[in-house]
Amino acid sequence: MPDVKSFIRDYTGGPIHSTLFETPGGRHSDHTYIRRMADSPHWISERTQGPVPVPSV
């Protein structure tokens, strides 16, 4: 995990953000993974502009 933490420290900032969720005990749990993942599309859609129609010629 130290390599991941140093990557986040060195290469994220400004317009690039990242979040690291450490799993206690090193076990992967579908339940906690899906719960955190559900927020991602909502977070992205709040910060991006939707498609803009191209004017007809």
Protein backbone atom coordinates (compact mmCIF):
# COMPACT_ATOMS: atom_id res chain seq x y z
CA MET A 1 0.00 0.00 0.00
CA PRO A 2 2.92 2.46 0.45
CA ASP A 3 3.36 2.72 -3.35
CA VAL A 4 -0.30 3.64 -3.81
CA LYS A 5 -0.16 6.23 -1.05
CA SER A 6 2.97 7.84 -2.50
CA PHE A 7 1.40 7.89 -5.98
CA ILE A 8 -1.68 9.66 -4.63
CA ARG A 9 0.49 12.10 -2.71
CA ASP A 10 2.75 12.88 -5.69
CA TYR A 11 0.35 12.85 -8.63
CA THR A 12 -3.01 14.04 -7.39
CA GLY A 13 -3.94 17.61 -6.66
CA GLY A 14 -5.26 20.61 -8.53
CA PRO A 15 -8.03 19.40 -10.83
CA ILE A 16 -7.18 15.73 -10.19
CA HIS A 17 -8.54 14.20 -7.01
CA SER A 18 -8.47 10.67 -5.72
CA THR A 19 -9.68 8.86 -2.67
CA LEU A 20 -8.20 5.71 -1.22
CA PHE A 21 -10.42 3.45 0.84
CA GLU A 22 -8.42 0.90 2.78
CA THR A 23 -10.20 -2.32 3.63
CA PRO A 24 -9.67 -3.22 7.29
CA GLY A 25 -7.91 -6.56 7.55
CA GLY A 26 -7.25 -6.59 3.81
CA ARG A 27 -10.49 -8.41 2.98
CA HIS A 28 -12.55 -7.40 -0.01
CA SER A 29 -16.23 -7.04 0.79
CA ASP A 30 -18.74 -6.71 -2.02
CA HIS A 31 -21.11 -5.03 0.38
CA THR A 32 -18.82 -2.11 1.23
CA TYR A 33 -17.45 -1.87 -2.31
CA ILE A 34 -20.89 -1.50 -3.89
CA ARG A 35 -21.99 0.94 -1.21
CA ARG A 36 -19.05 3.27 -1.97
CA MET A 37 -19.35 2.79 -5.72
CA ALA A 38 -22.96 3.98 -5.74
CA ASP A 39 -21.84 7.53 -4.94
CA SER A 40 -19.35 7.73 -7.83
CA PRO A 41 -21.75 8.25 -10.78
CA HIS A 42 -23.70 10.83 -8.78
CA TRP A 43 -20.50 12.68 -7.83
CA ILE A 44 -19.32 12.69 -11.46
CA SER A 45 -22.65 13.86 -12.87
CA GLU A 46 -22.74 16.79 -10.44
CA ARG A 47 -19.39 18.02 -11.75
CA THR A 48 -19.67 17.49 -15.49
CA GLN A 49 -21.67 19.20 -18.18
CA GLY A 50 -24.17 17.16 -20.11
CA PRO A 51 -24.23 16.89 -23.88
CA VAL A 52 -24.87 20.09 -25.81
CA PRO A 53 -26.93 19.83 -29.02
CA VAL A 54 -25.18 20.91 -32.21
CA PRO A 55 -27.12 23.60 -34.05
CA SER A 56 -28.66 22.46 -37.33
CA VAL A 57 -27.12 23.91 -40.47
